């Protein structure tokens, strides 16, 4: 039994907000840490920990979404949203792997050369590769979150929105 309902509200509609916040936050943190060693020193283990929490939040959210999908009228918009949601896990796995690699590389460099900055001891090609991969994966994950959110909004609101305001009679 998974996390399907939270206080009688479908868990997916709540958990999705965790993913929408954590994926871009993790991507931005990763890029900053990969590019700026001083930021990486401040983040420390928080970077891979954040990436791990982000990674875990995705299957929890997609599982809750599958439960919700089985409890709503199915249509092409809902199916498309579910398909896009299933494509986010590889992006967050890549974020977690790269975040762990950046944390490990900078931590290792700091241990090997105490008193020096990680910037001077991490090889420039490694720093450039980490920065490039971080940007590519971060942008890809962010775009995927946008696509999923856009399709989810269309699926949820395609029949439930009126351009004109409804008057409440009292």
N, C-alpha and C. Protein backbone atom coordinates (compact mmCIF):
# COMPACT_ATOMS: atom_id res chain seq x y z
N UNK A 1 0.84 -1.18 0.00
CA UNK A 1 0.00 0.00 0.00
C UNK A 1 0.88 1.24 0.00
N UNK A 2 0.61 2.13 -0.90
CA UNK A 2 1.43 3.32 -1.02
C UNK A 2 0.77 4.54 -0.41
N UNK A 3 1.38 5.64 -0.66
CA UNK A 3 0.88 6.92 -0.19
C UNK A 3 -0.11 7.44 -1.22
N UNK A 4 -1.39 7.12 -1.03
CA UNK A 4 -2.41 7.47 -2.02
C UNK A 4 -3.25 8.66 -1.59
N UNK A 5 -3.59 8.72 -0.31
CA UNK A 5 -4.41 9.81 0.22
C UNK A 5 -3.72 10.44 1.42
N UNK A 6 -3.83 11.74 1.53
CA UNK A 6 -3.36 12.47 2.70
C UNK A 6 -4.55 13.27 3.20
N UNK A 7 -5.09 12.87 4.34
CA UNK A 7 -6.27 13.53 4.91
C UNK A 7 -7.41 13.60 3.89
N UNK A 8 -7.63 12.49 3.22
CA UNK A 8 -8.69 12.33 2.19
C UNK A 8 -8.49 13.19 0.95
N UNK A 9 -7.30 13.69 0.74
CA UNK A 9 -6.95 14.42 -0.48
C UNK A 9 -5.99 13.53 -1.26
N UNK A 10 -6.19 13.36 -2.57
CA UNK A 10 -5.24 12.55 -3.33
C UNK A 10 -3.81 13.05 -3.12
N UNK A 11 -2.94 12.17 -2.69
CA UNK A 11 -1.56 12.54 -2.36
C UNK A 11 -0.84 13.17 -3.54
N UNK A 12 -1.18 12.77 -4.74
CA UNK A 12 -0.48 13.29 -5.91
C UNK A 12 -0.58 14.81 -6.00
N UNK A 13 -1.76 15.36 -5.73
CA UNK A 13 -1.93 16.81 -5.87
C UNK A 13 -1.15 17.58 -4.81
N UNK A 14 -0.74 16.92 -3.75
CA UNK A 14 0.10 17.55 -2.73
C UNK A 14 1.59 17.28 -3.01
N UNK A 15 1.92 16.03 -3.31
CA UNK A 15 3.32 15.66 -3.54
C UNK A 15 3.92 16.33 -4.76
N UNK A 16 3.09 16.63 -5.74
CA UNK A 16 3.59 17.25 -6.96
C UNK A 16 4.28 18.58 -6.64
N UNK A 17 3.83 19.25 -5.59
CA UNK A 17 4.45 20.52 -5.22
C UNK A 17 5.87 20.31 -4.68
N UNK A 18 6.09 19.19 -4.03
CA UNK A 18 7.44 18.86 -3.56
C UNK A 18 8.37 18.71 -4.76
N UNK A 19 7.94 17.99 -5.77
CA UNK A 19 8.76 17.77 -6.97
C UNK A 19 8.99 19.09 -7.71
N UNK A 20 7.94 19.89 -7.83
CA UNK A 20 8.05 21.15 -8.57
C UNK A 20 9.04 22.10 -7.90
N UNK A 21 9.17 22.01 -6.59
CA UNK A 21 10.13 22.86 -5.87
C UNK A 21 11.52 22.21 -5.86
N UNK A 22 11.59 20.92 -5.53
CA UNK A 22 12.89 20.28 -5.31
C UNK A 22 13.71 20.07 -6.58
N UNK A 23 13.08 19.72 -7.68
CA UNK A 23 13.87 19.46 -8.90
C UNK A 23 14.61 20.73 -9.35
N UNK A 24 13.93 21.86 -9.53
CA UNK A 24 14.69 23.06 -9.92
C UNK A 24 15.68 23.52 -8.84
N UNK A 25 15.31 23.38 -7.56
CA UNK A 25 16.22 23.75 -6.48
C UNK A 25 17.48 22.89 -6.51
N UNK A 26 17.31 21.60 -6.71
CA UNK A 26 18.46 20.69 -6.80
C UNK A 26 19.31 21.02 -8.02
N UNK A 27 18.66 21.27 -9.15
CA UNK A 27 19.39 21.59 -10.38
C UNK A 27 20.21 22.87 -10.21
N UNK A 28 19.60 23.90 -9.66
CA UNK A 28 20.30 25.16 -9.45
C UNK A 28 21.44 24.99 -8.45
N UNK A 29 21.20 24.28 -7.37
CA UNK A 29 22.24 24.03 -6.37
C UNK A 29 23.40 23.27 -6.98
N UNK A 30 23.10 22.28 -7.78
CA UNK A 30 24.14 21.48 -8.42
C UNK A 30 25.00 22.33 -9.35
N UNK A 31 24.37 23.14 -10.17
CA UNK A 31 25.13 24.00 -11.09
C UNK A 31 26.02 24.95 -10.30
N UNK A 32 25.47 25.59 -9.28
CA UNK A 32 26.27 26.52 -8.47
C UNK A 32 27.44 25.82 -7.80
N UNK A 33 27.20 24.63 -7.25
CA UNK A 33 28.27 23.88 -6.58
C UNK A 33 29.33 23.41 -7.57
N UNK A 34 28.92 23.01 -8.76
CA UNK A 34 29.88 22.53 -9.76
C UNK A 34 30.74 23.66 -10.28
N UNK A 35 30.17 24.85 -10.39
CA UNK A 35 30.88 25.99 -10.97
C UNK A 35 31.68 26.76 -9.92
N UNK A 36 31.15 26.86 -8.72
CA UNK A 36 31.77 27.68 -7.68
C UNK A 36 32.17 26.82 -6.48
N UNK A 37 33.46 26.49 -6.36
CA UNK A 37 33.91 25.65 -5.24
C UNK A 37 33.56 26.24 -3.88
N UNK A 38 33.53 27.56 -3.76
CA UNK A 38 33.19 28.17 -2.47
C UNK A 38 31.75 27.81 -2.07
N UNK A 39 30.87 27.73 -3.05
CA UNK A 39 29.48 27.33 -2.77
C UNK A 39 29.46 25.85 -2.38
N UNK A 40 30.25 25.03 -3.07
CA UNK A 40 30.30 23.60 -2.75
C UNK A 40 30.79 23.39 -1.33
N UNK A 41 31.78 24.17 -0.90
CA UNK A 41 32.28 24.03 0.47
C UNK A 41 31.18 24.35 1.48
N UNK A 42 30.36 25.33 1.18
CA UNK A 42 29.27 25.69 2.09
C UNK A 42 28.17 24.63 2.10
N UNK A 43 27.87 24.08 0.94
CA UNK A 43 26.81 23.07 0.84
C UNK A 43 27.25 21.77 1.50
N UNK A 44 28.45 21.32 1.21
CA UNK A 44 28.92 20.07 1.76
C UNK A 44 27.99 18.91 1.41
N UNK A 45 27.71 18.09 2.41
CA UNK A 45 26.88 16.90 2.20
C UNK A 45 25.43 17.25 1.88
N UNK A 46 25.03 18.49 2.10
CA UNK A 46 23.64 18.89 1.81
C UNK A 46 23.32 18.71 0.32
N UNK A 47 24.31 18.87 -0.56
CA UNK A 47 24.04 18.73 -2.00
C UNK A 47 23.59 17.31 -2.36
N UNK A 48 24.36 16.27 -2.06
CA UNK A 48 23.86 14.93 -2.40
C UNK A 48 22.62 14.54 -1.59
N UNK A 49 22.49 15.05 -0.36
CA UNK A 49 21.30 14.75 0.43
C UNK A 49 20.06 15.36 -0.22
N UNK A 50 20.16 16.60 -0.68
CA UNK A 50 19.05 17.25 -1.38
C UNK A 50 18.70 16.47 -2.64
N UNK A 51 19.72 16.06 -3.38
CA UNK A 51 19.49 15.31 -4.62
C UNK A 51 18.82 13.96 -4.32
N UNK A 52 19.19 13.33 -3.22
CA UNK A 52 18.57 12.05 -2.85
C UNK A 52 17.10 12.24 -2.47
N UNK A 53 16.81 13.26 -1.70
CA UNK A 53 15.41 13.54 -1.33
C UNK A 53 14.59 13.83 -2.59
N UNK A 54 15.18 14.58 -3.52
CA UNK A 54 14.51 14.87 -4.78
C UNK A 54 14.24 13.59 -5.55
N UNK A 55 15.25 12.74 -5.64
CA UNK A 55 15.11 11.46 -6.34
C UNK A 55 14.00 10.61 -5.72
N UNK A 56 13.95 10.54 -4.41
CA UNK A 56 12.93 9.73 -3.73
C UNK A 56 11.53 10.31 -3.94
N UNK A 57 11.43 11.63 -4.03
CA UNK A 57 10.11 12.26 -4.17
C UNK A 57 9.45 11.93 -5.51
N UNK A 58 10.24 11.64 -6.53
CA UNK A 58 9.66 11.40 -7.85
C UNK A 58 8.85 10.10 -7.91
N UNK A 59 9.39 8.94 -7.52
CA UNK A 59 8.55 7.74 -7.57
C UNK A 59 7.37 7.79 -6.59
N UNK A 60 7.53 8.47 -5.46
CA UNK A 60 6.38 8.63 -4.56
C UNK A 60 5.26 9.40 -5.26
N UNK A 61 5.64 10.45 -5.97
CA UNK A 61 4.65 11.28 -6.66
C UNK A 61 4.04 10.55 -7.85
N UNK A 62 4.86 9.85 -8.62
CA UNK A 62 4.31 9.13 -9.78
C UNK A 62 3.42 7.97 -9.33
N UNK A 63 3.80 7.30 -8.24
CA UNK A 63 2.94 6.23 -7.73
C UNK A 63 1.58 6.80 -7.30
N UNK A 64 1.62 7.91 -6.58
CA UNK A 64 0.37 8.55 -6.17
C UNK A 64 -0.42 9.01 -7.39
N UNK A 65 0.29 9.43 -8.43
CA UNK A 65 -0.38 9.83 -9.67
C UNK A 65 -1.04 8.66 -10.37
N UNK A 66 -0.39 7.49 -10.33
CA UNK A 66 -1.00 6.30 -10.93
C UNK A 66 -2.27 5.92 -10.19
N UNK A 67 -2.24 6.05 -8.86
CA UNK A 67 -3.45 5.78 -8.09
C UNK A 67 -4.55 6.76 -8.49
N UNK A 68 -4.21 8.04 -8.58
CA UNK A 68 -5.20 9.05 -8.96
C UNK A 68 -5.72 8.80 -10.36
N UNK A 69 -4.83 8.41 -11.28
CA UNK A 69 -5.24 8.13 -12.66
C UNK A 69 -6.30 7.02 -12.70
N UNK A 70 -6.17 6.05 -11.81
CA UNK A 70 -7.15 4.96 -11.80
C UNK A 70 -8.48 5.37 -11.14
N UNK A 71 -8.52 6.56 -10.56
CA UNK A 71 -9.73 7.04 -9.89
C UNK A 71 -10.37 8.24 -10.57
N UNK A 72 -9.90 8.61 -11.75
CA UNK A 72 -10.51 9.71 -12.51
C UNK A 72 -10.89 9.18 -13.88
N UNK A 73 -11.74 9.94 -14.56
CA UNK A 73 -12.10 9.57 -15.93
C UNK A 73 -10.86 9.68 -16.80
N UNK A 74 -10.50 8.60 -17.45
CA UNK A 74 -9.32 8.59 -18.29
C UNK A 74 -9.55 9.32 -19.60
N UNK A 75 -8.56 10.04 -20.04
CA UNK A 75 -8.60 10.67 -21.35
C UNK A 75 -7.17 10.84 -21.84
N UNK A 76 -7.02 11.32 -23.05
CA UNK A 76 -5.69 11.45 -23.65
C UNK A 76 -4.81 12.42 -22.87
N UNK A 77 -5.39 13.46 -22.29
CA UNK A 77 -4.60 14.44 -21.54
C UNK A 77 -4.01 13.82 -20.27
N UNK A 78 -4.80 13.02 -19.59
CA UNK A 78 -4.32 12.35 -18.38
C UNK A 78 -3.24 11.34 -18.74
N UNK A 79 -3.46 10.59 -19.81
CA UNK A 79 -2.45 9.60 -20.24
C UNK A 79 -1.14 10.29 -20.62
N UNK A 80 -1.22 11.40 -21.33
CA UNK A 80 -0.01 12.14 -21.73
C UNK A 80 0.74 12.64 -20.49
N UNK A 81 0.01 13.16 -19.52
CA UNK A 81 0.62 13.63 -18.28
C UNK A 81 1.33 12.48 -17.56
N UNK A 82 0.69 11.33 -17.51
CA UNK A 82 1.29 10.16 -16.85
C UNK A 82 2.56 9.72 -17.58
N UNK A 83 2.52 9.73 -18.91
CA UNK A 83 3.70 9.35 -19.69
C UNK A 83 4.86 10.30 -19.42
N UNK A 84 4.59 11.59 -19.42
CA UNK A 84 5.64 12.57 -19.15
C UNK A 84 6.18 12.42 -17.73
N UNK A 85 5.28 12.17 -16.79
CA UNK A 85 5.71 11.98 -15.40
C UNK A 85 6.66 10.81 -15.24
N UNK A 86 6.41 9.75 -15.98
CA UNK A 86 7.29 8.58 -15.92
C UNK A 86 8.68 8.87 -16.47
N UNK A 87 8.83 9.92 -17.25
CA UNK A 87 10.12 10.26 -17.85
C UNK A 87 11.00 11.13 -16.94
N UNK A 88 10.50 11.53 -15.78
CA UNK A 88 11.29 12.40 -14.89
C UNK A 88 12.32 11.63 -14.07
N UNK A 89 12.05 10.39 -13.75
CA UNK A 89 12.96 9.63 -12.88
C UNK A 89 14.40 9.57 -13.41
N UNK A 90 14.63 9.29 -14.70
CA UNK A 90 16.02 9.28 -15.17
C UNK A 90 16.73 10.63 -15.00
N UNK A 91 15.98 11.71 -15.16
CA UNK A 91 16.58 13.04 -14.97
C UNK A 91 17.00 13.25 -13.52
N UNK A 92 16.14 12.86 -12.58
CA UNK A 92 16.49 13.06 -11.18
C UNK A 92 17.56 12.07 -10.72
N UNK A 93 17.60 10.89 -11.33
CA UNK A 93 18.69 9.96 -11.04
C UNK A 93 20.01 10.57 -11.50
N UNK A 94 20.02 11.17 -12.68
CA UNK A 94 21.24 11.83 -13.18
C UNK A 94 21.63 12.99 -12.27
N UNK A 95 20.66 13.77 -11.81
CA UNK A 95 20.96 14.86 -10.86
C UNK A 95 21.63 14.30 -9.61
N UNK A 96 21.09 13.21 -9.08
CA UNK A 96 21.63 12.62 -7.86
C UNK A 96 23.05 12.08 -8.08
N UNK A 97 23.26 11.42 -9.20
CA UNK A 97 24.60 10.87 -9.48
C UNK A 97 25.63 11.98 -9.66
N UNK A 98 25.28 13.00 -10.41
CA UNK A 98 26.23 14.10 -10.64
C UNK A 98 26.45 14.88 -9.36
N UNK A 99 25.40 15.11 -8.58
CA UNK A 99 25.56 15.82 -7.30
C UNK A 99 26.49 15.05 -6.38
N UNK A 100 26.33 13.74 -6.33
CA UNK A 100 27.21 12.92 -5.50
C UNK A 100 28.64 12.97 -6.02
N UNK A 101 28.80 12.92 -7.34
CA UNK A 101 30.14 13.01 -7.93
C UNK A 101 30.81 14.34 -7.65
N UNK A 102 30.08 15.42 -7.78
CA UNK A 102 30.65 16.76 -7.51
C UNK A 102 31.04 16.85 -6.03
N UNK A 103 30.15 16.42 -5.15
CA UNK A 103 30.44 16.45 -3.72
C UNK A 103 31.68 15.61 -3.40
N UNK A 104 31.75 14.41 -3.97
CA UNK A 104 32.89 13.53 -3.72
C UNK A 104 34.19 14.13 -4.25
N UNK A 105 34.16 14.65 -5.48
CA UNK A 105 35.38 15.20 -6.10
C UNK A 105 35.92 16.39 -5.31
N UNK A 106 35.04 17.30 -4.94
CA UNK A 106 35.50 18.47 -4.19
C UNK A 106 35.92 18.09 -2.77
N UNK A 107 35.21 17.16 -2.16
CA UNK A 107 35.59 16.70 -0.83
C UNK A 107 36.92 15.97 -0.84
N UNK A 108 37.13 15.15 -1.85
CA UNK A 108 38.39 14.42 -1.99
C UNK A 108 39.55 15.39 -2.20
N UNK A 109 39.33 16.38 -3.05
CA UNK A 109 40.37 17.38 -3.32
C UNK A 109 40.73 18.14 -2.05
N UNK A 110 39.74 18.48 -1.26
CA UNK A 110 40.00 19.21 -0.01
C UNK A 110 40.76 18.34 0.99
N UNK A 111 40.47 17.03 1.02
CA UNK A 111 41.18 16.12 1.93
C UNK A 111 42.62 15.90 1.48
N UNK A 112 42.85 15.85 0.17
CA UNK A 112 44.20 15.59 -0.34
C UNK A 112 45.12 16.79 -0.18
N UNK A 113 44.55 17.98 -0.20
CA UNK A 113 45.36 19.19 -0.09
C UNK A 113 44.79 20.10 0.99
N UNK A 114 44.96 19.73 2.25
CA UNK A 114 44.41 20.56 3.32
C UNK A 114 45.00 21.97 3.26
N UNK A 115 44.15 22.93 3.55
CA UNK A 115 44.61 24.32 3.54
C UNK A 115 44.49 24.99 2.19
N UNK A 116 44.36 24.21 1.13
CA UNK A 116 44.21 24.82 -0.19
C UNK A 116 42.73 24.82 -0.56
N UNK A 117 42.40 25.59 -1.55
CA UNK A 117 41.01 25.62 -1.99
C UNK A 117 40.75 24.45 -2.91
N UNK A 118 39.54 23.96 -2.91
CA UNK A 118 39.19 22.85 -3.80
C UNK A 118 39.35 23.27 -5.25
N UNK A 119 39.17 24.55 -5.52
CA UNK A 119 39.30 25.07 -6.88
C UNK A 119 40.69 24.77 -7.44
N UNK A 120 41.73 24.93 -6.61
CA UNK A 120 43.08 24.75 -7.12
C UNK A 120 43.48 23.29 -7.23
N UNK A 121 42.78 22.39 -6.54
CA UNK A 121 43.21 21.00 -6.54
C UNK A 121 42.34 20.09 -7.40
N UNK A 122 41.16 20.54 -7.79
CA UNK A 122 40.33 19.74 -8.69
C UNK A 122 40.73 20.11 -10.11
N UNK A 123 41.10 19.11 -10.87
CA UNK A 123 41.58 19.34 -12.23
C UNK A 123 40.56 20.14 -13.04
N UNK A 124 41.08 21.09 -13.81
CA UNK A 124 40.21 21.95 -14.61
C UNK A 124 39.31 21.15 -15.56
N UNK A 125 39.81 20.13 -16.26
CA UNK A 125 38.90 19.37 -17.14
C UNK A 125 37.74 18.73 -16.37
N UNK A 126 38.01 18.26 -15.15
CA UNK A 126 36.96 17.67 -14.34
C UNK A 126 35.94 18.72 -13.93
N UNK A 127 36.41 19.90 -13.55
CA UNK A 127 35.50 20.99 -13.17
C UNK A 127 34.64 21.41 -14.35
N UNK A 128 35.24 21.50 -15.52
CA UNK A 128 34.48 21.90 -16.72
C UNK A 128 33.44 20.83 -17.06
N UNK A 129 33.85 19.57 -17.01
CA UNK A 129 32.91 18.48 -17.31
C UNK A 129 31.76 18.47 -16.30
N UNK A 130 32.07 18.65 -15.03
CA UNK A 130 31.02 18.67 -14.00
C UNK A 130 30.07 19.83 -14.24
N UNK A 131 30.61 20.99 -14.59
CA UNK A 131 29.76 22.16 -14.84
C UNK A 131 28.87 21.93 -16.06
N UNK A 132 29.44 21.40 -17.13
CA UNK A 132 28.66 21.16 -18.36
C UNK A 132 27.56 20.14 -18.10
N UNK A 133 27.91 19.01 -17.49
CA UNK A 133 26.91 17.98 -17.20
C UNK A 133 25.83 18.53 -16.26
N UNK A 134 26.24 19.31 -15.28
CA UNK A 134 25.28 19.89 -14.34
C UNK A 134 24.29 20.79 -15.04
N UNK A 135 24.79 21.63 -15.94
CA UNK A 135 23.91 22.54 -16.67
C UNK A 135 22.97 21.75 -17.58
N UNK A 136 23.51 20.80 -18.33
CA UNK A 136 22.69 20.02 -19.27
C UNK A 136 21.60 19.24 -18.52
N UNK A 137 21.98 18.53 -17.48
CA UNK A 137 21.01 17.73 -16.73
C UNK A 137 20.05 18.64 -15.96
N UNK A 138 20.56 19.72 -15.41
CA UNK A 138 19.69 20.65 -14.68
C UNK A 138 18.65 21.28 -15.57
N UNK A 139 19.06 21.75 -16.75
CA UNK A 139 18.11 22.34 -17.69
C UNK A 139 17.12 21.28 -18.17
N UNK A 140 17.63 20.10 -18.51
CA UNK A 140 16.74 19.02 -18.96
C UNK A 140 15.71 18.65 -17.91
N UNK A 141 16.13 18.55 -16.66
CA UNK A 141 15.19 18.21 -15.58
C UNK A 141 14.17 19.33 -15.39
N UNK A 142 14.63 20.57 -15.45
CA UNK A 142 13.71 21.70 -15.31
C UNK A 142 12.68 21.76 -16.43
N UNK A 143 13.13 21.54 -17.65
CA UNK A 143 12.21 21.53 -18.80
C UNK A 143 11.21 20.39 -18.65
N UNK A 144 11.68 19.24 -18.21
CA UNK A 144 10.77 18.10 -18.04
C UNK A 144 9.72 18.39 -16.97
N UNK A 145 10.13 19.02 -15.87
CA UNK A 145 9.16 19.39 -14.83
C UNK A 145 8.12 20.35 -15.39
N UNK A 146 8.57 21.31 -16.20
CA UNK A 146 7.63 22.25 -16.82
C UNK A 146 6.64 21.50 -17.72
N UNK A 147 7.15 20.61 -18.57
CA UNK A 147 6.28 19.86 -19.49
C UNK A 147 5.25 19.03 -18.72
N UNK A 148 5.71 18.39 -17.65
CA UNK A 148 4.81 17.57 -16.84
C UNK A 148 3.74 18.45 -16.19
N UNK A 149 4.17 19.55 -15.61
CA UNK A 149 3.22 20.45 -14.95
C UNK A 149 2.21 21.04 -15.91
N UNK A 150 2.68 21.43 -17.09
CA UNK A 150 1.78 21.99 -18.10
C UNK A 150 0.74 20.95 -18.53
N UNK A 151 1.20 19.73 -18.77
CA UNK A 151 0.26 18.68 -19.18
C UNK A 151 -0.70 18.32 -18.05
N UNK A 152 -0.22 18.36 -16.81
CA UNK A 152 -1.08 18.08 -15.67
C UNK A 152 -2.15 19.15 -15.48
N UNK A 153 -1.75 20.40 -15.67
CA UNK A 153 -2.73 21.49 -15.56
C UNK A 153 -3.79 21.37 -16.65
N UNK A 154 -3.36 21.05 -17.85
CA UNK A 154 -4.33 20.87 -18.95
C UNK A 154 -5.27 19.70 -18.66
N UNK A 155 -4.72 18.62 -18.12
CA UNK A 155 -5.55 17.45 -17.81
C UNK A 155 -6.55 17.78 -16.70
N UNK A 156 -6.12 18.56 -15.72
CA UNK A 156 -7.00 18.85 -14.59
C UNK A 156 -8.05 19.90 -14.91
N UNK A 157 -7.70 20.87 -15.76
CA UNK A 157 -8.57 22.03 -15.95
C UNK A 157 -9.24 22.12 -17.31
N UNK A 158 -9.04 21.17 -18.19
CA UNK A 158 -9.56 21.31 -19.55
C UNK A 158 -11.08 21.45 -19.60
N UNK A 159 -11.80 20.86 -18.68
CA UNK A 159 -13.26 20.97 -18.68
C UNK A 159 -13.79 21.74 -17.47
N UNK A 160 -12.91 22.20 -16.61
CA UNK A 160 -13.37 22.77 -15.35
C UNK A 160 -13.10 24.24 -15.17
N UNK A 161 -12.95 24.97 -16.26
CA UNK A 161 -12.60 26.38 -16.15
C UNK A 161 -13.54 27.18 -17.03
N UNK A 162 -13.98 28.30 -16.52
CA UNK A 162 -14.84 29.20 -17.28
C UNK A 162 -14.18 30.56 -17.35
N UNK A 163 -14.11 31.16 -18.54
CA UNK A 163 -13.49 32.47 -18.69
C UNK A 163 -14.26 33.55 -17.94
N UNK A 164 -15.54 33.36 -17.79
CA UNK A 164 -16.35 34.33 -17.05
C UNK A 164 -16.49 33.92 -15.60
N UNK A 165 -16.56 34.90 -14.73
CA UNK A 165 -16.69 34.61 -13.30
C UNK A 165 -18.09 34.11 -12.99
N UNK A 166 -18.17 33.20 -12.06
CA UNK A 166 -19.46 32.70 -11.60
C UNK A 166 -19.90 33.52 -10.40
N UNK A 167 -21.12 33.94 -10.40
CA UNK A 167 -21.63 34.71 -9.26
C UNK A 167 -22.11 33.74 -8.18
N UNK A 168 -21.73 34.06 -6.98
CA UNK A 168 -22.18 33.28 -5.84
C UNK A 168 -23.44 33.95 -5.31
N UNK A 169 -24.50 33.19 -5.25
CA UNK A 169 -25.76 33.75 -4.75
C UNK A 169 -25.90 33.41 -3.28
N UNK A 170 -26.24 34.39 -2.52
CA UNK A 170 -26.30 34.14 -1.09
C UNK A 170 -27.49 34.61 -0.43
